[in-house]
C-alpha atoms as a PDB file:
ATOM      1  CA  MET A   1      -0.045   0.026  -0.241  1.00  0.00           C
ATOM      2  CA  ALA A   2       2.974   2.198   1.052  1.00  0.00           C
ATOM      3  CA  VAL A   3       4.621   1.867  -2.171  1.00  0.00           C
ATOM      4  CA  SER A   4       1.378   2.370  -4.479  1.00  0.00           C
ATOM      5  CA  LEU A   5       1.572   6.067  -2.777  1.00  0.00           C
ATOM      6  CA  LEU A   6       4.552   6.797  -4.012  1.00  0.00           C
ATOM      7  CA  ASP A   7       4.583   9.157  -7.111  1.00  0.00           C
ATOM      8  CA  ASP A   8       7.810   7.840  -8.776  1.00  0.00           C
ATOM      9  CA  ASN A   9       6.540   3.962  -8.330  1.00  0.00           C
ATOM     10  CA  ARG A  10       9.394   1.962 -10.528  1.00  0.00           C
ATOM     11  CA  ILE A  11       8.966  -1.041  -7.917  1.00  0.00           C
ATOM     12  CA  ASP A  12       8.227  -4.386  -9.218  1.00  0.00           C
ATOM     13  CA  LEU A  13       6.818  -5.862  -6.001  1.00  0.00           C
ATOM     14  CA  ASN A  14       6.381  -9.453  -7.829  1.00  0.00           C
ATOM     15  CA  ALA A  15      10.554  -9.164  -7.860  1.00  0.00           C
ATOM     16  CA  TYR A  16      10.802  -9.017  -4.209  1.00  0.00           C
ATOM     17  CA  LEU A  17       7.975 -11.502  -3.606  1.00  0.00           C
ATOM     18  CA  PHE A  18       8.791 -14.073  -5.969  1.00  0.00           C
ATOM     19  CA  GLY A  19      12.561 -13.538  -7.052  1.00  0.00           C
ATOM     20  CA  ASP A  20      13.670 -12.591 -10.606  1.00  0.00           C
ATOM     21  CA  ILE A  21      16.897 -13.769 -11.517  1.00  0.00           C
ATOM     22  CA  LEU A  22      16.993 -11.879 -14.556  1.00  0.00           C
ATOM     23  CA  ALA A  23      17.419  -9.114 -12.124  1.00  0.00           C
ATOM     24  CA  VAL A  24      20.659 -10.518 -10.477  1.00  0.00           C
ATOM     25  CA  SER A  25      23.655  -8.386 -11.663  1.00  0.00           C
ATOM     26  CA  ASP A  26      27.334  -9.399 -11.979  1.00  0.00           C
ATOM     27  CA  GLY A  27      27.764  -7.198  -8.887  1.00  0.00           C
ATOM     28  CA  HIS A  28      25.284  -9.105  -6.831  1.00  0.00           C
ATOM     29  CA  LEU A  29      26.292 -12.708  -8.412  1.00  0.00           C
ATOM     30  CA  LEU A  30      29.491 -11.707  -6.488  1.00  0.00           C
ATOM     31  CA  ILE A  31      28.082 -10.600  -3.387  1.00  0.00           C
ATOM     32  CA  MET A  32      25.814 -14.105  -3.415  1.00  0.00           C
ATOM     33  CA  TRP A  33      29.430 -16.419  -4.076  1.00  0.00           C
ATOM     34  CA  ILE A  34      31.462 -14.116  -1.103  1.00  0.00           C
ATOM     35  CA  GLY A  35      27.992 -14.472   1.347  1.00  0.00           C
ATOM     36  CA  ALA A  36      27.677 -18.126   0.218  1.00  0.00           C
ATOM     37  CA  MET A  37      31.162 -18.689   1.211  1.00  0.00           C
ATOM     38  CA  LEU A  38      31.494 -17.082   4.491  1.00  0.00           C
ATOM     39  CA  ALA A  39      28.166 -19.000   5.539  1.00  0.00           C
ATOM     40  CA  THR A  40      29.747 -22.176   4.509  1.00  0.00           C
ATOM     41  CA  LEU A  41      32.879 -21.329   6.464  1.00  0.00           C
ATOM     42  CA  LEU A  42      30.830 -20.146   9.823  1.00  0.00           C
ATOM     43  CA  ILE A  43      29.347 -23.465   9.216  1.00  0.00           C
ATOM     44  CA  VAL A  44      31.906 -25.981   8.811  1.00  0.00           C
ATOM     45  CA  THR A  45      34.360 -24.503  11.525  1.00  0.00           C
ATOM     46  CA  ARG A  46      31.976 -24.285  14.062  1.00  0.00           C
ATOM     47  CA  TRP A  47      29.957 -27.488  12.713  1.00  0.00           C
ATOM     48  CA  GLN A  48      30.294 -29.524  16.302  1.00  0.00           C
ATOM     49  CA  LYS A  49      29.420 -26.297  18.695  1.00  0.00           C
ATOM     50  CA  LEU A  50      26.312 -25.537  16.236  1.00  0.00           C
ATOM     51  CA  LEU A  51      25.215 -29.117  16.459  1.00  0.00           C
ATOM     52  CA  LEU A  52      25.596 -29.145  20.489  1.00  0.00           C
ATOM     53  CA  LEU A  53      23.759 -26.131  20.571  1.00  0.00           C
ATOM     54  CA  THR A  54      20.627 -27.394  18.159  1.00  0.00           C
ATOM     55  CA  ILE A  55      20.369 -30.620  20.443  1.00  0.00           C
ATOM     56  CA  SER A  56      20.347 -28.876  23.861  1.00  0.00           C
ATOM     57  CA  ALA A  57      21.485 -25.276  25.073  1.00  0.00           C
ATOM     58  CA  ASP A  58      21.798 -26.406  28.545  1.00  0.00           C
ATOM     59  CA  LEU A  59      24.319 -29.501  26.941  1.00  0.00           C
ATOM     60  CA  ALA A  60      26.207 -26.963  25.290  1.00  0.00           C
ATOM     61  CA  ALA A  61      26.468 -24.767  28.586  1.00  0.00           C
ATOM     62  CA  ALA A  62      27.874 -27.653  30.375  1.00  0.00           C
ATOM     63  CA  GLY A  63      30.227 -28.233  27.870  1.00  0.00           C
ATOM     64  CA  GLY A  64      31.787 -25.080  28.139  1.00  0.00           C
ATOM     65  CA  LEU A  65      30.368 -23.062  24.836  1.00  0.00           C
ATOM     66  CA  ASN A  66      28.676 -19.898  25.541  1.00  0.00           C
ATOM     67  CA  PRO A  67      25.233 -20.177  23.988  1.00  0.00           C
ATOM     68  CA  ARG A  68      24.593 -17.203  23.246  1.00  0.00           C
ATOM     69  CA  ARG A  69      27.266 -16.739  20.867  1.00  0.00           C
ATOM     70  CA  GLU A  70      26.387 -20.129  18.646  1.00  0.00           C
ATOM     71  CA  GLN A  71      23.249 -18.907  18.821  1.00  0.00           C
ATOM     72  CA  LEU A  72      24.312 -15.692  17.508  1.00  0.00           C
ATOM     73  CA  VAL A  73      26.590 -17.243  15.081  1.00  0.00           C
ATOM     74  CA  LEU A  74      24.075 -19.622  13.619  1.00  0.00           C
ATOM     75  CA  THR A  75      21.455 -16.571  12.789  1.00  0.00           C
ATOM     76  CA  VAL A  76      24.289 -14.878  11.082  1.00  0.00           C
ATOM     77  CA  ALA A  77      24.628 -17.743   8.682  1.00  0.00           C
ATOM     78  CA  LEU A  78      21.315 -18.001   8.427  1.00  0.00           C
ATOM     79  CA  ALA A  79      20.909 -14.334   7.936  1.00  0.00           C
ATOM     80  CA  LEU A  80      23.700 -14.271   5.065  1.00  0.00           C
ATOM     81  CA  VAL A  81      22.189 -17.148   3.505  1.00  0.00           C
ATOM     82  CA  VAL A  82      18.556 -15.257   3.745  1.00  0.00           C
ATOM     83  CA  ALA A  83      19.947 -12.059   2.200  1.00  0.00           C
ATOM     84  CA  ILE A  84      21.777 -14.025  -0.238  1.00  0.00           C
ATOM     85  CA  ALA A  85      18.779 -15.911  -1.553  1.00  0.00           C
ATOM     86  CA  ILE A  86      15.897 -12.990  -1.711  1.00  0.00           C
ATOM     87  CA  LYS A  87      17.242 -12.032  -4.960  1.00  0.00           C
ATOM     88  CA  VAL A  88      16.958 -14.867  -6.726  1.00  0.00           C
ATOM     89  CA  VAL A  89      14.079 -16.830  -4.675  1.00  0.00           C
ATOM     90  CA  GLY A  90      11.591 -14.135  -3.642  1.00  0.00           C
ATOM     91  CA  VAL A  91      10.727 -13.253   0.067  1.00  0.00           C
ATOM     92  CA  LEU A  92       7.712 -15.566  -0.022  1.00  0.00           C
ATOM     93  CA  LEU A  93       9.701 -18.753  -1.868  1.00  0.00           C
ATOM     94  CA  ILE A  94      12.945 -18.416   1.020  1.00  0.00           C
ATOM     95  CA  SER A  95      11.699 -20.194   3.669  1.00  0.00           C
ATOM     96  CA  ALA A  96      10.338 -22.760   1.280  1.00  0.00           C
ATOM     97  CA  MET A  97      14.215 -23.426   0.041  1.00  0.00           C
ATOM     98  CA  LEU A  98      15.399 -23.330   3.445  1.00  0.00           C
ATOM     99  CA  ILE A  99      12.686 -26.213   4.812  1.00  0.00           C
ATOM    100  CA  ILE A 100      12.200 -28.309   1.941  1.00  0.00           C
ATOM    101  CA  PRO A 101      15.880 -30.065   1.402  1.00  0.00           C
ATOM    102  CA  ALA A 102      16.101 -30.714   4.912  1.00  0.00           C
ATOM    103  CA  ALA A 103      12.858 -32.277   5.370  1.00  0.00           C
ATOM    104  CA  ALA A 104      13.516 -34.378   2.195  1.00  0.00           C
ATOM    105  CA  ALA A 105      16.647 -35.548   3.332  1.00  0.00           C
ATOM    106  CA  ARG A 106      15.681 -36.419   7.161  1.00  0.00           C
ATOM    107  CA  PRO A 107      14.525 -40.002   5.995  1.00  0.00           C
ATOM    108  CA  LEU A 108      17.229 -40.885   3.940  1.00  0.00           C
ATOM    109  CA  SER A 109      19.926 -40.152   6.576  1.00  0.00           C
ATOM    110  CA  HIS A 110      21.067 -41.385  10.072  1.00  0.00           C
ATOM    111  CA  THR A 111      23.332 -39.008  11.147  1.00  0.00           C
ATOM    112  CA  PRO A 112      23.107 -34.980  10.790  1.00  0.00           C
ATOM    113  CA  GLU A 113      26.408 -34.715   8.677  1.00  0.00           C
ATOM    114  CA  ARG A 114      24.628 -36.944   6.421  1.00  0.00           C
ATOM    115  CA  MET A 115      21.713 -34.530   6.507  1.00  0.00           C
ATOM    116  CA  ALA A 116      23.460 -31.726   5.979  1.00  0.00           C
ATOM    117  CA  ILE A 117      25.149 -33.505   2.939  1.00  0.00           C
ATOM    118  CA  ILE A 118      22.472 -34.950   1.396  1.00  0.00           C
ATOM    119  CA  ALA A 119      20.089 -31.562   1.799  1.00  0.00           C
ATOM    120  CA  LEU A 120      22.661 -29.759   0.356  1.00  0.00           C
ATOM    121  CA  GLY A 121      22.637 -31.780  -2.498  1.00  0.00           C
ATOM    122  CA  VAL A 122      18.827 -31.595  -2.956  1.00  0.00           C
ATOM    123  CA  GLY A 123      18.882 -28.353  -2.465  1.00  0.00           C
ATOM    124  CA  ILE A 124      21.611 -27.929  -5.498  1.00  0.00           C
ATOM    125  CA  SER A 125      20.092 -30.115  -7.470  1.00  0.00           C
ATOM    126  CA  SER A 126      16.509 -28.514  -7.503  1.00  0.00           C
ATOM    127  CA  ILE A 127      18.037 -25.024  -8.212  1.00  0.00           C
ATOM    128  CA  PHE A 128      19.085 -26.329 -11.576  1.00  0.00           C
ATOM    129  CA  MET A 129      16.259 -28.694 -12.417  1.00  0.00           C
ATOM    130  CA  GLY A 130      14.202 -25.915 -11.361  1.00  0.00           C
ATOM    131  CA  LEU A 131      16.280 -23.353 -13.836  1.00  0.00           C
ATOM    132  CA  ALA A 132      16.037 -25.639 -16.683  1.00  0.00           C
ATOM    133  CA  VAL A 133      12.461 -26.269 -16.209  1.00  0.00           C
ATOM    134  CA  SER A 134      11.782 -22.507 -15.595  1.00  0.00           C
ATOM    135  CA  TYR A 135      13.519 -22.038 -18.690  1.00  0.00           C
ATOM    136  CA  PHE A 136      11.414 -24.548 -21.219  1.00  0.00           C
ATOM    137  CA  THR A 137       8.478 -23.951 -19.763  1.00  0.00           C
ATOM    138  CA  ASP A 138       8.935 -20.073 -19.566  1.00  0.00           C
ATOM    139  CA  THR A 139       7.795 -20.098 -15.766  1.00  0.00           C
ATOM    140  CA  PRO A 140       8.863 -17.451 -13.287  1.00  0.00           C
ATOM    141  CA  THR A 141      12.204 -19.408 -11.433  1.00  0.00           C
ATOM    142  CA  GLY A 142      11.754 -18.810  -7.873  1.00  0.00           C
ATOM    143  CA  PRO A 143       8.195 -20.480  -7.816  1.00  0.00           C
ATOM    144  CA  THR A 144       9.728 -23.003 -10.392  1.00  0.00           C
ATOM    145  CA  THR A 145      12.288 -24.259  -7.999  1.00  0.00           C
ATOM    146  CA  VAL A 146      10.643 -24.688  -4.837  1.00  0.00           C
ATOM    147  CA  CYS A 147       7.919 -26.596  -7.389  1.00  0.00           C
ATOM    148  CA  VAL A 148      10.764 -28.760  -8.336  1.00  0.00           C
ATOM    149  CA  ALA A 149      11.992 -29.129  -4.399  1.00  0.00           C
ATOM    150  CA  GLN A 150       8.635 -29.775  -3.397  1.00  0.00           C
ATOM    151  CA  ARG A 151       9.216 -32.902  -5.512  1.00  0.00           C
ATOM    152  CA  SER A 152      12.188 -34.410  -3.624  1.00  0.00           C
ATOM    153  CA  LEU A 153       9.573 -34.927  -0.714  1.00  0.00           C
ATOM    154  CA  PHE A 154       8.942 -37.538  -2.176  1.00  0.00           C
ATOM    155  CA  LEU A 155      12.380 -39.313  -2.518  1.00  0.00           C
ATOM    156  CA  PRO A 156      12.026 -41.500   0.373  1.00  0.00           C
ATOM    157  CA  LEU A 157       8.999 -43.583  -1.367  1.00  0.00           C
ATOM    158  CA  LEU A 158      11.015 -44.208  -4.706  1.00  0.00           C
ATOM    159  CA  PRO A 159      12.507 -47.628  -2.959  1.00  0.00           C
ATOM    160  CA  GLN A 160       9.040 -48.478  -2.468  1.00  0.00           C
ATOM    161  CA  LEU A 161       7.171 -47.762  -5.747  1.00  0.00           C
END
């Protein structure tokens, strides 16, 4: 509503809500790579501490960790990922791309490490397949990628089919 009241309204709300891969410039791409590397570095270097924190904050405190600091690290990594992906996937769909790969990986894994690796694979393959489907069907990239990722939730059922 506030945007519609502006005199010089050149803001595309659909691009913010659902993402627009065509709006990604070379500068944005560089920022995305740097942000992704930072988030990956944060998670890889602090994996055991973050894992202990997600299991139990009391257990982490008993183990000599500062739970508030570790929560801050996890929040910063999540904020980096969200800020990077909003341009491509959009505000409304970013939560789906955070949840769906992990939900698809959970039934296929017995350890947190394996779950993270499978979720990474599901996320990356969903992005590439979503881009391809979007290209060939001429549909918006963000929603198409989420629809492709959603199909990965049925991966655990494949051996039973």
